[in-house]
């Protein structure tokens, strides 16, 4: 069993920045994939940014150039730096990790509003 704990969500004005963190209870050194999904009210969960072993990083088109995914193997943590935030980025952001089996965090709310 793997626990994923997200942090860093909150309320930010349009154009602002936030950095999300996701700490895994297990080493991410040889993980299959890890990243972020989001779910806005009334919408389905969608991929935001992930990295996959052997394939690199992947971003949904709407966040390219604004969001950056990174990781610290030493801290077993993946990050999502979100810049130039827009109201349409408002959602619950979920951390995802694949160690053969899929694991999900409980989510952290990001609200972009003036």
C-alpha atoms as a PDB file:
ATOM      1  CA  UNK A   1       0.000   0.000   0.000  1.00  0.00           C
ATOM      2  CA  UNK A   2       1.222   3.488  -0.883  1.00  0.00           C
ATOM      3  CA  UNK A   3       0.026   6.756   0.607  1.00  0.00           C
ATOM      4  CA  UNK A   4       0.115   9.957  -1.406  1.00  0.00           C
ATOM      5  CA  UNK A   5      -0.278  13.236   0.467  1.00  0.00           C
ATOM      6  CA  UNK A   6      -0.907  16.435  -1.475  1.00  0.00           C
ATOM      7  CA  UNK A   7      -0.336  19.950  -0.216  1.00  0.00           C
ATOM      8  CA  UNK A   8      -0.102  23.488  -1.544  1.00  0.00           C
ATOM      9  CA  UNK A   9      -3.625  24.173  -2.731  1.00  0.00           C
ATOM     10  CA  UNK A  10      -5.519  27.320  -1.875  1.00  0.00           C
ATOM     11  CA  UNK A  11      -7.089  30.499  -3.153  1.00  0.00           C
ATOM     12  CA  UNK A  12      -5.148  32.593  -5.655  1.00  0.00           C
ATOM     13  CA  UNK A  13      -6.009  35.499  -7.911  1.00  0.00           C
ATOM     14  CA  UNK A  14      -5.972  35.139 -11.692  1.00  0.00           C
ATOM     15  CA  UNK A  15      -2.419  35.449 -12.953  1.00  0.00           C
ATOM     16  CA  UNK A  16      -0.993  34.172  -9.708  1.00  0.00           C
ATOM     17  CA  UNK A  17       1.073  31.097  -8.923  1.00  0.00           C
ATOM     18  CA  UNK A  18       0.891  28.054  -6.680  1.00  0.00           C
ATOM     19  CA  UNK A  19       3.107  25.026  -6.189  1.00  0.00           C
ATOM     20  CA  UNK A  20       1.538  21.713  -5.342  1.00  0.00           C
ATOM     21  CA  UNK A  21       3.481  18.928  -3.666  1.00  0.00           C
ATOM     22  CA  UNK A  22       2.753  15.238  -3.423  1.00  0.00           C
ATOM     23  CA  UNK A  23       4.754  13.130  -1.015  1.00  0.00           C
ATOM     24  CA  UNK A  24       4.752   9.360  -1.503  1.00  0.00           C
ATOM     25  CA  UNK A  25       5.229   6.886   1.334  1.00  0.00           C
ATOM     26  CA  UNK A  26       7.405   4.735  -0.929  1.00  0.00           C
ATOM     27  CA  UNK A  27      10.466   5.438  -3.043  1.00  0.00           C
ATOM     28  CA  UNK A  28       9.709   6.945  -6.447  1.00  0.00           C
ATOM     29  CA  UNK A  29      13.116   5.997  -7.862  1.00  0.00           C
ATOM     30  CA  UNK A  30      11.768   3.245 -10.134  1.00  0.00           C
ATOM     31  CA  UNK A  31       8.149   4.278 -10.290  1.00  0.00           C
ATOM     32  CA  UNK A  32       6.202   3.539 -13.486  1.00  0.00           C
ATOM     33  CA  UNK A  33       4.433   6.906 -13.621  1.00  0.00           C
ATOM     34  CA  UNK A  34       3.515   9.803 -11.356  1.00  0.00           C
ATOM     35  CA  UNK A  35       1.733  13.066 -11.792  1.00  0.00           C
ATOM     36  CA  UNK A  36      -1.361  15.183 -11.436  1.00  0.00           C
ATOM     37  CA  UNK A  37      -4.980  15.036 -12.497  1.00  0.00           C
ATOM     38  CA  UNK A  38      -7.740  17.509 -11.724  1.00  0.00           C
ATOM     39  CA  UNK A  39     -11.491  17.518 -11.463  1.00  0.00           C
ATOM     40  CA  UNK A  40     -13.553  20.670 -11.771  1.00  0.00           C
ATOM     41  CA  UNK A  41     -17.136  20.861 -10.487  1.00  0.00           C
ATOM     42  CA  UNK A  42     -19.468  18.980 -12.795  1.00  0.00           C
ATOM     43  CA  UNK A  43     -16.643  17.701 -14.976  1.00  0.00           C
ATOM     44  CA  UNK A  44     -14.726  14.484 -15.356  1.00  0.00           C
ATOM     45  CA  UNK A  45     -11.250  14.012 -13.941  1.00  0.00           C
ATOM     46  CA  UNK A  46      -8.597  14.967 -16.489  1.00  0.00           C
ATOM     47  CA  UNK A  47      -4.859  14.595 -16.820  1.00  0.00           C
ATOM     48  CA  UNK A  48      -2.872  17.734 -16.042  1.00  0.00           C
ATOM     49  CA  UNK A  49       0.744  16.638 -16.098  1.00  0.00           C
ATOM     50  CA  UNK A  50       2.531  13.360 -15.644  1.00  0.00           C
ATOM     51  CA  UNK A  51       5.887  11.796 -16.148  1.00  0.00           C
ATOM     52  CA  UNK A  52       6.205   8.203 -17.254  1.00  0.00           C
ATOM     53  CA  UNK A  53       9.316   6.083 -16.996  1.00  0.00           C
ATOM     54  CA  UNK A  54      10.963   5.889 -20.392  1.00  0.00           C
ATOM     55  CA  UNK A  55       8.576   8.360 -21.987  1.00  0.00           C
ATOM     56  CA  UNK A  56       9.174  11.626 -20.156  1.00  0.00           C
ATOM     57  CA  UNK A  57       6.619  14.289 -19.308  1.00  0.00           C
ATOM     58  CA  UNK A  58       3.160  14.922 -20.708  1.00  0.00           C
ATOM     59  CA  UNK A  59       0.922  17.949 -20.258  1.00  0.00           C
ATOM     60  CA  UNK A  60      -2.630  18.649 -21.229  1.00  0.00           C
ATOM     61  CA  UNK A  61      -2.751  21.362 -23.894  1.00  0.00           C
ATOM     62  CA  UNK A  62      -4.485  23.916 -21.683  1.00  0.00           C
ATOM     63  CA  UNK A  63      -1.577  24.079 -19.203  1.00  0.00           C
ATOM     64  CA  UNK A  64       1.402  23.873 -21.557  1.00  0.00           C
ATOM     65  CA  UNK A  65       3.753  26.779 -20.996  1.00  0.00           C
ATOM     66  CA  UNK A  66       2.152  27.600 -17.636  1.00  0.00           C
ATOM     67  CA  UNK A  67       2.553  24.463 -15.505  1.00  0.00           C
ATOM     68  CA  UNK A  68       5.720  22.495 -14.828  1.00  0.00           C
ATOM     69  CA  UNK A  69       5.971  19.068 -13.260  1.00  0.00           C
ATOM     70  CA  UNK A  70       9.130  18.086 -11.417  1.00  0.00           C
ATOM     71  CA  UNK A  71      10.227  15.573  -8.823  1.00  0.00           C
ATOM     72  CA  UNK A  72      12.685  14.985  -6.004  1.00  0.00           C
ATOM     73  CA  UNK A  73      13.682  11.358  -5.786  1.00  0.00           C
ATOM     74  CA  UNK A  74      15.468  12.043  -2.499  1.00  0.00           C
ATOM     75  CA  UNK A  75      12.206  13.341  -0.992  1.00  0.00           C
ATOM     76  CA  UNK A  76       9.874  10.912  -2.802  1.00  0.00           C
ATOM     77  CA  UNK A  77       7.931  13.967  -3.898  1.00  0.00           C
ATOM     78  CA  UNK A  78       6.474  15.267  -7.132  1.00  0.00           C
ATOM     79  CA  UNK A  79       5.677  18.925  -7.639  1.00  0.00           C
ATOM     80  CA  UNK A  80       3.421  20.940  -9.887  1.00  0.00           C
ATOM     81  CA  UNK A  81       4.428  24.554 -10.368  1.00  0.00           C
ATOM     82  CA  UNK A  82       1.410  26.456 -11.658  1.00  0.00           C
ATOM     83  CA  UNK A  83       1.933  29.937 -13.086  1.00  0.00           C
ATOM     84  CA  UNK A  84      -0.399  32.382 -14.827  1.00  0.00           C
ATOM     85  CA  UNK A  85      -3.359  30.704 -13.221  1.00  0.00           C
ATOM     86  CA  UNK A  86      -6.797  31.170 -14.766  1.00  0.00           C
ATOM     87  CA  UNK A  87     -10.273  30.771 -13.271  1.00  0.00           C
ATOM     88  CA  UNK A  88     -10.724  27.679 -15.434  1.00  0.00           C
ATOM     89  CA  UNK A  89      -7.858  26.037 -13.537  1.00  0.00           C
ATOM     90  CA  UNK A  90     -10.119  25.884 -10.482  1.00  0.00           C
ATOM     91  CA  UNK A  91     -10.442  22.237  -9.488  1.00  0.00           C
ATOM     92  CA  UNK A  92      -9.481  19.599  -7.001  1.00  0.00           C
ATOM     93  CA  UNK A  93      -6.013  18.414  -7.953  1.00  0.00           C
ATOM     94  CA  UNK A  94      -5.180  14.761  -7.357  1.00  0.00           C
ATOM     95  CA  UNK A  95      -1.785  13.172  -7.166  1.00  0.00           C
ATOM     96  CA  UNK A  96      -1.407   9.885  -9.035  1.00  0.00           C
ATOM     97  CA  UNK A  97       1.256   7.216  -8.840  1.00  0.00           C
ATOM     98  CA  UNK A  98       1.632   3.926 -10.643  1.00  0.00           C
ATOM     99  CA  UNK A  99       3.693   1.218  -8.989  1.00  0.00           C
ATOM    100  CA  UNK A 100       2.236  -1.460 -11.196  1.00  0.00           C
ATOM    101  CA  UNK A 101      -1.007  -0.653  -9.386  1.00  0.00           C
ATOM    102  CA  UNK A 102      -2.588   2.818  -9.464  1.00  0.00           C
ATOM    103  CA  UNK A 103      -2.660   4.931  -6.315  1.00  0.00           C
ATOM    104  CA  UNK A 104      -4.410   8.264  -5.735  1.00  0.00           C
ATOM    105  CA  UNK A 105      -4.166  11.004  -3.173  1.00  0.00           C
ATOM    106  CA  UNK A 106      -7.211  12.579  -1.562  1.00  0.00           C
ATOM    107  CA  UNK A 107      -6.846  15.803  -3.504  1.00  0.00           C
ATOM    108  CA  UNK A 108      -6.149  19.443  -2.791  1.00  0.00           C
ATOM    109  CA  UNK A 109      -8.440  22.279  -3.825  1.00  0.00           C
ATOM    110  CA  UNK A 110      -7.162  25.062  -6.045  1.00  0.00           C
ATOM    111  CA  UNK A 111      -9.437  28.066  -6.453  1.00  0.00           C
ATOM    112  CA  UNK A 112      -8.545  30.822  -8.896  1.00  0.00           C
ATOM    113  CA  UNK A 113     -10.733  33.829  -8.301  1.00  0.00           C
ATOM    114  CA  UNK A 114     -10.556  37.564  -7.777  1.00  0.00           C
END
